[in-house]
């Protein structure tokens, strides 16, 4: 079963369905998958682990061909993270929505979940189609909600991970504390090396 919910249903038998399938959670899943699929030959087991970690019900078994299709979708989604302004993000999302998604529909996966929206053609759509459609839906809602790009690419020149910028706290430039710390240390070393001897 492939989920892409953007609602907060209260009748979840698991008790945390709305938390695992909120707009922000789905956008964070998108970023995690774009990063996992950025490798030249992503490991299907690793991609399955990312899906499971972000709320997909198991078991998840992916073929190399399915991962290749997901990788193509992830490359298209990376364009959204490269957008510097809401207008640019919206333009990319509109193109992706127009070229790669079906009409908006509601599904409960045969009664197995609360009703929620999908943009893929059916509940058994190929993984690549599902990834692109569900990701476009969550990222579009974030642009709509905040009138800002939903994420960005890490500012560290040695890291090209994407991340979701929306959330509490100041706007981030780096995907992780590790990248931010590495860049601060490098900047400090550069500054010290250019200081003239006193």
Protein backbone atom coordinates (compact mmCIF):
# COMPACT_ATOMS: atom_id res chain seq x y z
CA UNK A 1 0.00 0.00 0.00
CA UNK A 2 1.42 3.38 -0.96
CA UNK A 3 0.37 6.37 1.08
CA UNK A 4 0.47 10.06 0.29
CA UNK A 5 -2.03 11.50 2.73
CA UNK A 6 -2.38 15.20 3.25
CA UNK A 7 -5.10 15.12 5.89
CA UNK A 8 -5.19 14.67 9.62
CA UNK A 9 -7.73 11.89 10.19
CA UNK A 10 -8.70 11.11 13.75
CA UNK A 11 -9.91 7.54 13.25
CA UNK A 12 -6.50 5.93 12.85
CA UNK A 13 -6.30 2.47 14.34
CA UNK A 14 -2.54 2.89 14.75
CA UNK A 15 -3.03 6.11 16.72
CA UNK A 16 -0.41 8.09 14.82
CA UNK A 17 -1.54 7.88 11.19
CA UNK A 18 -1.99 11.64 10.88
CA UNK A 19 1.48 12.29 12.28
CA UNK A 20 3.14 9.83 9.91
CA UNK A 21 1.18 11.11 6.90
CA UNK A 22 0.96 14.85 7.43
CA UNK A 23 2.00 17.22 4.66
CA UNK A 24 5.29 17.98 6.41
CA UNK A 25 5.99 14.29 7.04
CA UNK A 26 5.36 13.48 3.38
CA UNK A 27 7.62 16.33 2.27
CA UNK A 28 10.37 15.08 4.59
CA UNK A 29 9.91 11.61 3.12
CA UNK A 30 10.39 13.15 -0.32
CA UNK A 31 13.67 14.77 0.75
CA UNK A 32 14.90 11.50 2.29
CA UNK A 33 14.08 9.58 -0.88
CA UNK A 34 15.62 12.19 -3.18
CA UNK A 35 18.82 11.87 -1.12
CA UNK A 36 18.74 8.06 -1.03
CA UNK A 37 18.16 7.90 -4.79
CA UNK A 38 20.93 10.38 -5.66
CA UNK A 39 23.59 7.66 -5.77
CA UNK A 40 24.58 6.23 -9.16
CA UNK A 41 23.16 2.83 -8.27
CA UNK A 42 20.93 3.10 -5.19
CA UNK A 43 20.56 -0.07 -3.16
CA UNK A 44 16.92 -1.27 -3.35
CA UNK A 45 17.07 -2.48 0.27
CA UNK A 46 18.22 0.95 1.46
CA UNK A 47 15.44 2.69 -0.48
CA UNK A 48 12.93 0.25 1.05
CA UNK A 49 14.30 1.10 4.52
CA UNK A 50 13.74 4.81 3.85
CA UNK A 51 10.16 4.11 2.79
CA UNK A 52 9.51 2.06 5.91
CA UNK A 53 11.10 4.70 8.14
CA UNK A 54 8.71 7.27 6.67
CA UNK A 55 5.47 5.37 7.25
CA UNK A 56 5.14 2.93 4.35
CA UNK A 57 3.63 -0.34 5.49
CA UNK A 58 5.83 -3.33 4.88
CA UNK A 59 7.01 -5.50 3.57
CA UNK A 60 8.53 -3.32 0.85
CA UNK A 61 10.48 -5.21 -1.80
CA UNK A 62 11.84 -3.14 -4.68
CA UNK A 63 13.43 -4.31 -7.90
CA UNK A 64 16.37 -2.56 -9.51
CA UNK A 65 14.03 -1.40 -12.30
CA UNK A 66 11.58 0.13 -9.79
CA UNK A 67 14.44 1.92 -8.06
CA UNK A 68 15.66 3.22 -11.42
CA UNK A 69 12.18 4.65 -12.09
CA UNK A 70 12.12 6.20 -8.62
CA UNK A 71 15.58 7.65 -9.29
CA UNK A 72 14.25 9.39 -12.43
CA UNK A 73 11.37 10.83 -10.38
CA UNK A 74 13.80 11.97 -7.67
CA UNK A 75 15.94 13.79 -10.24
CA UNK A 76 12.87 15.71 -11.40
CA UNK A 77 11.90 16.51 -7.80
CA UNK A 78 15.40 17.86 -7.08
CA UNK A 79 14.49 20.81 -9.33
CA UNK A 80 11.91 21.91 -6.76
CA UNK A 81 14.60 21.98 -4.05
CA UNK A 82 16.87 24.04 -6.31
CA UNK A 83 14.23 26.79 -6.62
CA UNK A 84 15.21 30.01 -4.88
CA UNK A 85 11.77 31.66 -4.91
CA UNK A 86 8.16 30.50 -4.54
CA UNK A 87 7.46 31.50 -8.17
CA UNK A 88 10.25 29.25 -9.41
CA UNK A 89 9.16 26.33 -7.18
CA UNK A 90 5.55 26.76 -8.36
CA UNK A 91 6.64 26.79 -12.01
CA UNK A 92 8.56 23.53 -11.58
CA UNK A 93 5.72 21.93 -9.63
CA UNK A 94 3.12 23.02 -12.21
CA UNK A 95 5.20 21.45 -14.97
CA UNK A 96 5.63 18.20 -13.04
CA UNK A 97 1.96 18.09 -12.09
CA UNK A 98 0.91 18.71 -15.68
CA UNK A 99 3.28 16.19 -17.23
CA UNK A 100 3.45 13.37 -14.69
CA UNK A 101 0.37 13.15 -12.48
CA UNK A 102 -3.23 12.11 -12.82
CA UNK A 103 -6.31 13.93 -11.56
CA UNK A 104 -6.77 14.42 -7.83
CA UNK A 105 -8.62 11.50 -6.28
CA UNK A 106 -9.44 10.21 -2.81
CA UNK A 107 -8.56 6.72 -1.68
CA UNK A 108 -8.83 4.63 1.46
CA UNK A 109 -6.82 1.75 -0.07
CA UNK A 110 -9.89 -0.47 0.07
CA UNK A 111 -10.81 0.63 3.59
CA UNK A 112 -7.34 0.02 5.02
CA UNK A 113 -6.67 3.69 5.77
CA UNK A 114 -8.61 6.90 6.35
CA UNK A 115 -9.57 8.70 3.13
CA UNK A 116 -6.75 10.80 1.72
CA UNK A 117 -5.75 12.40 -1.61
CA UNK A 118 -3.57 10.88 -4.32
CA UNK A 119 -2.41 12.14 -7.70
CA UNK A 120 -1.12 8.86 -9.10
CA UNK A 121 -3.41 6.94 -11.48
CA UNK A 122 -4.36 4.17 -9.05
CA UNK A 123 -3.41 2.58 -5.74
CA UNK A 124 -1.11 0.13 -7.52
CA UNK A 125 0.70 2.71 -9.65
CA UNK A 126 4.40 2.05 -10.26
CA UNK A 127 6.72 3.28 -7.50
CA UNK A 128 8.24 6.01 -9.67
CA UNK A 129 4.83 7.43 -10.56
CA UNK A 130 3.73 7.24 -6.92
CA UNK A 131 6.87 9.00 -5.70
CA UNK A 132 6.55 11.86 -8.17
CA UNK A 133 2.79 12.31 -7.68
CA UNK A 134 2.72 12.11 -3.88
CA UNK A 135 5.79 14.32 -3.57
CA UNK A 136 4.41 16.98 -5.91
CA UNK A 137 1.21 17.02 -3.87
CA UNK A 138 2.94 17.57 -0.52
CA UNK A 139 5.48 20.07 -1.89
CA UNK A 140 2.73 22.04 -3.65
CA UNK A 141 0.77 22.32 -0.41
CA UNK A 142 3.88 23.62 1.38
CA UNK A 143 4.41 26.30 -1.30
CA UNK A 144 0.73 27.23 -1.03
CA UNK A 145 0.82 27.34 2.77
CA UNK A 146 4.01 29.37 3.25
CA UNK A 147 4.44 31.11 -0.13
CA UNK A 148 8.09 29.98 -0.02
CA UNK A 149 10.07 27.21 -1.67
CA UNK A 150 9.47 24.04 0.36
CA UNK A 151 13.15 23.16 0.68
CA UNK A 152 16.63 23.65 -0.64
CA UNK A 153 19.88 21.95 -1.50
CA UNK A 154 22.52 21.95 1.24
CA UNK A 155 24.82 24.98 0.95
CA UNK A 156 27.88 22.87 1.73
CA UNK A 157 29.93 22.36 -1.45
CA UNK A 158 30.76 18.80 -0.38
CA UNK A 159 27.13 17.83 0.24
CA UNK A 160 24.29 17.96 -2.26
CA UNK A 161 21.54 16.60 0.01
CA UNK A 162 18.14 18.25 -0.13
CA UNK A 163 16.07 19.11 2.93
CA UNK A 164 12.76 20.66 3.90
CA UNK A 165 13.21 24.18 5.23
CA UNK A 166 9.77 24.58 6.73
CA UNK A 167 9.48 24.08 10.43
CA UNK A 168 10.35 25.82 13.67
CA UNK A 169 13.47 27.91 14.09
CA UNK A 170 15.46 30.17 11.79
CA UNK A 171 15.80 29.41 8.09
CA UNK A 172 18.43 26.76 7.48
CA UNK A 173 21.17 26.73 4.84
CA UNK A 174 22.53 23.26 5.59
CA UNK A 175 20.91 19.84 5.62
CA UNK A 176 22.36 18.92 9.01
CA UNK A 177 24.30 20.22 11.98
CA UNK A 178 27.25 18.21 10.77
CA UNK A 179 27.38 20.13 7.47
CA UNK A 180 26.85 23.47 9.23
CA UNK A 181 29.65 22.73 11.72
CA UNK A 182 32.03 21.54 8.99
CA UNK A 183 31.46 24.75 7.01
CA UNK A 184 31.90 26.98 10.09
CA UNK A 185 35.18 25.24 10.94
CA UNK A 186 36.38 25.56 7.33
CA UNK A 187 35.47 29.27 7.26
CA UNK A 188 37.28 29.81 10.57
CA UNK A 189 40.41 28.07 9.25
CA UNK A 190 40.33 30.11 6.05
CA UNK A 191 39.99 33.33 8.06
CA UNK A 192 42.92 32.40 10.33
CA UNK A 193 45.14 31.45 7.40
CA UNK A 194 44.61 34.87 5.77
CA UNK A 195 45.32 36.85 8.94
CA UNK A 196 48.60 38.66 8.74
CA UNK A 197 51.06 37.83 11.51
CA UNK A 198 50.84 40.23 14.41
